[in-house]
Amino acid sequence: MSNYKISKYQKDNAKLLNVKIKPSTNPSKKIDVFRDKIKIASIGDINYDDFSTIKHKYGYWVAHERRRLYNIRHEKDSKIVNSNGYWAKNIIW
């Protein structure tokens, strides 16, 4: 199980999307996403920062810029509803 700490920002995003999130059971991922108690995705590579961790380390404006660049890099996969990229963009970024 991952020792990644889920932030309030991520919990709030998951709630808006009507899903539950927990630390991932996959050691290389941060978060598992569940709908109706069924795991639908494992998101966030444990080796990379995300919006919450960047914001905590460097501040909001750096995190905002990194989110903008993430969205450019992952534009195609984040538009596919229920894909891992979709959940990553909408929960951790």
Protein backbone atom coordinates (compact mmCIF):
# COMPACT_ATOMS: atom_id res chain seq x y z
CA MET A 1 0.00 0.00 0.00
CA SER A 2 1.24 3.47 -0.88
CA ASN A 3 2.17 5.83 1.93
CA TYR A 4 0.97 8.79 -0.13
CA LYS A 5 -1.13 11.27 1.87
CA ILE A 6 -4.32 12.28 0.08
CA SER A 7 -4.95 16.03 0.34
CA LYS A 8 -8.21 17.83 1.07
CA TYR A 9 -8.04 19.28 -2.47
CA GLN A 10 -8.08 15.75 -3.91
CA LYS A 11 -10.85 14.57 -1.59
CA ASP A 12 -12.98 17.57 -2.58
CA ASN A 13 -12.38 16.91 -6.30
CA ALA A 14 -13.34 13.25 -5.88
CA LYS A 15 -16.51 14.22 -4.05
CA LEU A 16 -17.51 16.55 -6.92
CA LEU A 17 -17.01 13.64 -9.34
CA ASN A 18 -19.05 11.31 -7.13
CA VAL A 19 -16.21 8.84 -6.54
CA LYS A 20 -14.25 7.69 -3.48
CA ILE A 21 -10.47 7.68 -3.28
CA LYS A 22 -7.98 5.78 -1.12
CA PRO A 23 -4.19 5.41 -1.10
CA SER A 24 -3.28 2.99 -3.86
CA THR A 25 -2.55 -0.68 -3.28
CA ASN A 26 -0.24 -0.47 -6.31
CA PRO A 27 3.19 0.57 -4.95
CA SER A 28 3.92 2.69 -8.05
CA LYS A 29 0.66 4.70 -7.89
CA LYS A 30 -0.68 7.33 -5.46
CA ILE A 31 -4.46 6.92 -5.46
CA ASP A 32 -7.08 4.29 -6.26
CA VAL A 33 -10.44 5.61 -7.50
CA PHE A 34 -13.65 3.77 -6.61
CA ARG A 35 -17.24 4.03 -7.76
CA ASP A 36 -19.85 1.92 -5.96
CA LYS A 37 -17.03 0.11 -4.10
CA ILE A 38 -15.48 -1.04 -7.40
CA LYS A 39 -11.97 0.13 -8.24
CA ILE A 40 -12.05 1.95 -11.57
CA ALA A 41 -8.54 3.45 -11.77
CA SER A 42 -5.12 3.77 -10.17
CA ILE A 43 -3.71 7.24 -10.77
CA GLY A 44 -0.64 9.33 -10.13
CA ASP A 45 2.88 7.98 -10.44
CA ILE A 46 4.43 7.95 -6.97
CA ASN A 47 7.72 9.29 -8.40
CA TYR A 48 6.21 12.58 -9.61
CA ASP A 49 4.71 15.56 -7.82
CA ASP A 50 1.13 16.70 -8.37
CA PHE A 51 -0.76 19.96 -7.82
CA SER A 52 -1.05 19.52 -4.03
CA THR A 53 2.56 18.53 -3.41
CA ILE A 54 3.92 21.27 -5.69
CA LYS A 55 1.67 23.86 -4.04
CA HIS A 56 2.91 22.79 -0.61
CA LYS A 57 6.59 22.87 -1.67
CA TYR A 58 6.74 25.88 -3.99
CA GLY A 59 3.50 27.83 -3.70
CA TYR A 60 0.29 28.29 -5.66
CA TRP A 61 1.69 30.06 -8.74
CA VAL A 62 4.31 27.41 -9.44
CA ALA A 63 1.68 24.68 -8.98
CA HIS A 64 -0.71 26.54 -11.26
CA GLU A 65 1.92 26.72 -14.02
CA ARG A 66 2.82 23.05 -13.61
CA ARG A 67 -0.89 22.17 -13.87
CA ARG A 68 -1.14 24.19 -17.08
CA LEU A 69 1.83 22.32 -18.55
CA TYR A 70 0.42 18.96 -17.38
CA ASN A 71 -2.87 19.73 -19.14
CA ILE A 72 -1.02 20.53 -22.38
CA ARG A 73 1.01 17.29 -22.23
CA HIS A 74 -1.98 15.09 -21.41
CA GLU A 75 -4.67 16.80 -23.45
CA LYS A 76 -5.71 13.72 -25.45
CA ASP A 77 -5.87 11.11 -22.68
CA SER A 78 -7.57 13.43 -20.19
CA LYS A 79 -10.56 13.89 -22.51
CA ILE A 80 -11.41 10.16 -22.56
CA VAL A 81 -14.06 9.84 -19.84
CA ASN A 82 -13.25 7.20 -17.17
CA SER A 83 -9.66 6.75 -18.40
CA ASN A 84 -6.80 6.98 -15.91
CA GLY A 85 -5.82 10.29 -17.51
CA TYR A 86 -9.33 11.66 -16.99
CA TRP A 87 -9.29 10.79 -13.29
CA ALA A 88 -5.74 12.08 -12.81
CA LYS A 89 -6.56 15.44 -14.40
CA ASN A 90 -9.78 15.88 -12.45
CA ILE A 91 -8.61 14.59 -9.06
CA ILE A 92 -4.90 15.24 -8.61
CA TRP A 93 -4.35 18.15 -11.01
